[in-house]
């Protein structure tokens, strides 16, 4: 494993990225922390491994970094992803604070904003999209300027073209640790923009930082660093 610091971000370049990311989730969960989880194909293996290594998640409090406004049993739902890959695989599972997608984006965001009042995340697991987005904060989106609300409705920046709800920059800025996870050669260019180039609203992942921030990358995703 290679470790380097880039603009204040501890970058871990490692072949066994699933195990390292799962280890951080397990540490926060077993400490009774508030964890914000992301969707997408990459975290799936991390959640499955974390469930295998830690059967008791009862002390953890789980949130979603963002969610699509679809039914919870829809294949595009982040709630469904976490349910299938983590919650159904552990003996003692935690509460997952779900976005109430049946309310519509604006109302669901207002409800999630209220629910997040007084909550400080111990860990947030984020990705880096091909366009540089993270959570559902897309390039040059108005939500990047949000400083008061904890959750907002977000217009889709890429397929699937459905409205979304996302946590906001102030929530992530207060988080004890943000862990970015990116793998594959397709992420090399957005990873460079997120962690090497000057921060820019054109690359939201370059702007979102916690009190501490790390990036877990495989060698392919780190190729341009």
Protein backbone atom coordinates (compact mmCIF):
# COMPACT_ATOMS: atom_id res chain seq x y z
CA UNK A 1 0.00 0.00 0.00
CA UNK A 2 1.24 3.48 -0.90
CA UNK A 3 0.14 6.49 1.16
CA UNK A 4 0.61 10.10 0.19
CA UNK A 5 -0.89 13.45 1.14
CA UNK A 6 -2.45 15.58 -1.59
CA UNK A 7 -3.82 18.99 -0.61
CA UNK A 8 -4.58 17.76 2.89
CA UNK A 9 -6.18 14.49 1.77
CA UNK A 10 -4.55 11.23 2.90
CA UNK A 11 -4.53 9.12 -0.26
CA UNK A 12 -4.24 5.34 0.13
CA UNK A 13 -3.37 3.43 -3.04
CA UNK A 14 -4.09 -0.21 -2.38
CA UNK A 15 -5.05 -3.38 -4.23
CA UNK A 16 -7.34 -4.60 -1.43
CA UNK A 17 -9.44 -1.45 -1.35
CA UNK A 18 -12.57 -3.33 -0.20
CA UNK A 19 -10.87 -4.48 3.01
CA UNK A 20 -9.44 -1.07 3.88
CA UNK A 21 -12.77 0.71 3.29
CA UNK A 22 -14.70 -1.97 5.18
CA UNK A 23 -12.30 -1.60 8.09
CA UNK A 24 -13.11 2.08 8.46
CA UNK A 25 -16.85 1.39 8.34
CA UNK A 26 -16.49 -1.32 10.99
CA UNK A 27 -14.47 0.97 13.25
CA UNK A 28 -17.14 3.69 13.12
CA UNK A 29 -20.03 1.23 13.44
CA UNK A 30 -18.60 -0.63 16.42
CA UNK A 31 -18.01 2.73 18.13
CA UNK A 32 -21.69 3.60 17.82
CA UNK A 33 -21.10 6.31 15.27
CA UNK A 34 -23.28 8.05 12.70
CA UNK A 35 -22.32 6.73 9.25
CA UNK A 36 -23.49 8.16 5.92
CA UNK A 37 -23.37 5.62 3.09
CA UNK A 38 -23.40 6.06 -0.67
CA UNK A 39 -24.85 4.04 -3.51
CA UNK A 40 -23.27 2.82 -6.71
CA UNK A 41 -21.59 -0.39 -7.77
CA UNK A 42 -18.24 0.14 -6.01
CA UNK A 43 -19.48 0.24 -2.37
CA UNK A 44 -21.45 -3.00 -2.81
CA UNK A 45 -18.40 -5.20 -2.17
CA UNK A 46 -17.41 -3.01 0.80
CA UNK A 47 -20.80 -3.35 2.49
CA UNK A 48 -20.87 -7.11 1.94
CA UNK A 49 -17.40 -7.52 3.44
CA UNK A 50 -18.18 -5.22 6.36
CA UNK A 51 -21.29 -7.29 7.15
CA UNK A 52 -19.23 -10.48 7.02
CA UNK A 53 -16.54 -9.14 9.36
CA UNK A 54 -18.86 -7.46 11.88
CA UNK A 55 -22.11 -9.34 12.63
CA UNK A 56 -23.35 -6.83 15.23
CA UNK A 57 -24.16 -3.39 13.83
CA UNK A 58 -26.75 -2.57 16.48
CA UNK A 59 -24.86 0.42 17.89
CA UNK A 60 -24.43 2.18 14.54
CA UNK A 61 -26.70 4.88 13.16
CA UNK A 62 -26.86 4.75 9.36
CA UNK A 63 -27.81 7.51 6.95
CA UNK A 64 -27.79 7.91 3.18
CA UNK A 65 -25.52 10.54 1.65
CA UNK A 66 -28.08 10.87 -1.12
CA UNK A 67 -31.04 9.07 -2.61
CA UNK A 68 -33.01 8.92 -5.83
CA UNK A 69 -36.72 9.64 -5.62
CA UNK A 70 -37.82 6.10 -6.43
CA UNK A 71 -39.52 3.36 -4.45
CA UNK A 72 -37.30 1.68 -1.86
CA UNK A 73 -37.60 -1.62 -3.73
CA UNK A 74 -36.48 -0.02 -7.01
CA UNK A 75 -33.13 -1.29 -8.29
CA UNK A 76 -31.89 2.32 -8.46
CA UNK A 77 -32.56 2.92 -4.76
CA UNK A 78 -29.61 3.44 -2.43
CA UNK A 79 -31.83 2.26 0.43
CA UNK A 80 -32.29 -1.06 -1.38
CA UNK A 81 -28.54 -1.37 -1.96
CA UNK A 82 -27.70 -0.91 1.72
CA UNK A 83 -30.57 -3.17 2.76
CA UNK A 84 -29.48 -6.03 0.49
CA UNK A 85 -25.72 -5.80 0.95
CA UNK A 86 -25.51 -4.92 4.65
CA UNK A 87 -28.65 -4.97 6.76
CA UNK A 88 -29.95 -8.37 5.68
CA UNK A 89 -26.50 -9.91 6.20
CA UNK A 90 -25.90 -8.97 9.84
CA UNK A 91 -27.35 -10.59 12.94
CA UNK A 92 -27.98 -7.32 14.79
CA UNK A 93 -28.69 -4.56 12.35
CA UNK A 94 -28.93 -0.82 12.99
CA UNK A 95 -31.59 1.63 12.03
CA UNK A 96 -31.16 3.02 8.55
CA UNK A 97 -32.55 6.55 8.31
CA UNK A 98 -34.24 6.43 4.92
CA UNK A 99 -35.28 9.30 2.70
CA UNK A 100 -39.08 9.25 2.45
CA UNK A 101 -39.12 9.13 -1.32
CA UNK A 102 -42.90 8.81 -1.56
CA UNK A 103 -43.21 12.46 -0.52
CA UNK A 104 -41.45 13.82 -3.62
CA UNK A 105 -38.05 15.48 -3.71
CA UNK A 106 -38.78 18.81 -2.00
CA UNK A 107 -40.87 17.40 0.82
CA UNK A 108 -38.55 14.43 1.33
CA UNK A 109 -35.56 16.78 1.54
CA UNK A 110 -37.34 18.95 4.12
CA UNK A 111 -38.14 15.85 6.21
CA UNK A 112 -34.55 14.58 5.99
CA UNK A 113 -33.26 18.04 6.86
CA UNK A 114 -35.33 17.96 10.06
CA UNK A 115 -34.20 14.44 10.89
CA UNK A 116 -30.54 15.45 10.52
CA UNK A 117 -30.90 18.34 12.96
CA UNK A 118 -28.27 18.00 15.68
CA UNK A 119 -26.55 15.05 13.96
CA UNK A 120 -22.80 15.11 13.35
CA UNK A 121 -21.50 12.37 11.10
CA UNK A 122 -18.58 10.33 12.36
CA UNK A 123 -17.90 8.95 8.88
CA UNK A 124 -19.22 9.57 5.38
CA UNK A 125 -18.38 7.22 2.52
CA UNK A 126 -18.38 9.08 -0.78
CA UNK A 127 -17.53 8.33 -4.38
CA UNK A 128 -16.16 10.37 -7.26
CA UNK A 129 -18.33 10.36 -10.37
CA UNK A 130 -16.99 10.45 -13.91
CA UNK A 131 -18.05 14.11 -14.06
CA UNK A 132 -16.48 14.87 -10.67
CA UNK A 133 -19.72 14.82 -8.68
CA UNK A 134 -20.04 13.37 -5.21
CA UNK A 135 -23.23 12.42 -3.36
CA UNK A 136 -25.82 14.18 -5.56
CA UNK A 137 -23.83 17.40 -5.75
CA UNK A 138 -23.24 17.81 -9.46
CA UNK A 139 -20.91 20.20 -11.33
CA UNK A 140 -21.85 23.85 -10.81
CA UNK A 141 -25.06 22.89 -8.98
CA UNK A 142 -26.67 25.54 -6.73
CA UNK A 143 -26.49 23.05 -3.86
CA UNK A 144 -22.74 23.58 -3.67
CA UNK A 145 -23.50 27.03 -2.25
CA UNK A 146 -25.91 25.75 0.43
CA UNK A 147 -24.80 26.73 3.92
CA UNK A 148 -27.93 26.39 6.08
CA UNK A 149 -29.89 23.27 5.21
CA UNK A 150 -28.65 19.75 5.90
CA UNK A 151 -30.53 18.10 3.02
CA UNK A 152 -31.87 19.53 -0.23
CA UNK A 153 -33.59 18.39 -3.39
CA UNK A 154 -31.19 18.00 -6.29
CA UNK A 155 -31.78 17.89 -10.01
CA UNK A 156 -30.28 14.83 -11.70
CA UNK A 157 -26.91 15.51 -13.28
CA UNK A 158 -26.66 12.18 -15.07
CA UNK A 159 -28.65 9.05 -15.71
CA UNK A 160 -30.95 7.80 -14.30
CA UNK A 161 -32.81 11.05 -14.82
CA UNK A 162 -34.80 11.13 -11.59
CA UNK A 163 -34.91 13.81 -8.88
CA UNK A 164 -32.75 13.25 -5.84
CA UNK A 165 -32.20 14.27 -2.24
CA UNK A 166 -28.67 14.93 -1.03
CA UNK A 167 -26.81 15.93 2.09
CA UNK A 168 -25.18 19.33 1.78
CA UNK A 169 -21.64 20.72 2.08
CA UNK A 170 -22.08 21.85 5.73
CA UNK A 171 -23.02 18.31 6.81
CA UNK A 172 -19.94 16.87 5.15
CA UNK A 173 -17.68 19.67 6.43
CA UNK A 174 -18.65 18.81 10.02
CA UNK A 175 -18.06 15.07 9.54
CA UNK A 176 -15.24 13.56 11.56
CA UNK A 177 -13.95 11.63 8.57
CA UNK A 178 -14.84 11.56 4.89
CA UNK A 179 -13.66 8.49 3.01
CA UNK A 180 -13.63 8.76 -0.77
CA UNK A 181 -13.64 5.45 -2.60
CA UNK A 182 -12.77 5.26 -6.32
CA UNK A 183 -11.56 2.32 -8.39
CA UNK A 184 -10.90 1.60 -12.04
CA UNK A 185 -9.15 3.43 -14.86
CA UNK A 186 -12.33 5.35 -15.68
CA UNK A 187 -11.94 7.24 -12.40
CA UNK A 188 -8.32 8.31 -12.96
CA UNK A 189 -9.11 11.67 -14.55
CA UNK A 190 -11.86 12.75 -12.12
CA UNK A 191 -9.68 11.59 -9.21
CA UNK A 192 -6.88 13.85 -10.43
CA UNK A 193 -9.31 16.77 -10.65
CA UNK A 194 -10.68 16.01 -7.17
CA UNK A 195 -7.39 15.70 -5.30
CA UNK A 196 -4.64 17.40 -7.34
CA UNK A 197 -6.15 20.29 -9.29
CA UNK A 198 -7.39 23.54 -7.76
CA UNK A 199 -10.81 23.11 -6.08
CA UNK A 200 -13.61 24.07 -8.43
CA UNK A 201 -17.42 23.84 -8.56
CA UNK A 202 -16.88 22.07 -11.88
CA UNK A 203 -15.55 19.17 -9.77
CA UNK A 204 -17.70 19.00 -6.62
CA UNK A 205 -15.53 16.23 -5.13
CA UNK A 206 -12.70 18.78 -4.97
CA UNK A 207 -14.80 20.94 -2.63
CA UNK A 208 -16.30 18.44 -0.22
CA UNK A 209 -14.00 17.81 2.73
CA UNK A 210 -14.56 16.70 6.31
CA UNK A 211 -12.59 17.54 9.42
CA UNK A 212 -10.37 14.75 8.12
CA UNK A 213 -10.51 13.38 4.59
CA UNK A 214 -8.98 10.32 3.01
CA UNK A 215 -9.20 8.71 -0.41
CA UNK A 216 -8.97 4.96 -0.97
CA UNK A 217 -7.96 4.21 -4.56
CA UNK A 218 -6.84 1.21 -6.52
CA UNK A 219 -3.72 1.66 -8.71
CA UNK A 220 -5.82 2.23 -11.84
CA UNK A 221 -7.79 5.10 -10.29
CA UNK A 222 -4.54 6.62 -8.97
CA UNK A 223 -2.72 6.44 -12.30
CA UNK A 224 -2.75 10.22 -12.94
CA UNK A 225 -1.77 11.38 -9.43
